[in-house]
């Protein structure tokens, strides 16, 4: 038996992130962007790094629509309201340092 090859991390961001970027760059707010324009944008930006682009793109779009992250209108896709909201990073509250009681100096009795 052949030993399993270690998976190599892709040299591109996740497909949904690339789709989101393509839609914001090429799409119109109401109509969105077509699959062809999304694919062209991704190919122009990421080039030969993407193998099997059309299949992966189609599956990514289908999953995003199913999850409610994208809205499909006829043959175009636009970001759903849920995808536009960026999770706000809560600022860590500054922890106030507890004041240490000052050590009382023993009084020296004068003779």
Foldseek 3Di string as FASTA:
>chain_A
DDDDDDDDDQPDDDLVVLLQVQQVVPNDQPQTAALVSSLVVCCVVVNPSDDPSVVSSVVSVVVCVVVVQWPDDPRHIDGGPVVVDDDDDDDDDDDDDDDDPDDDDDDDDDD
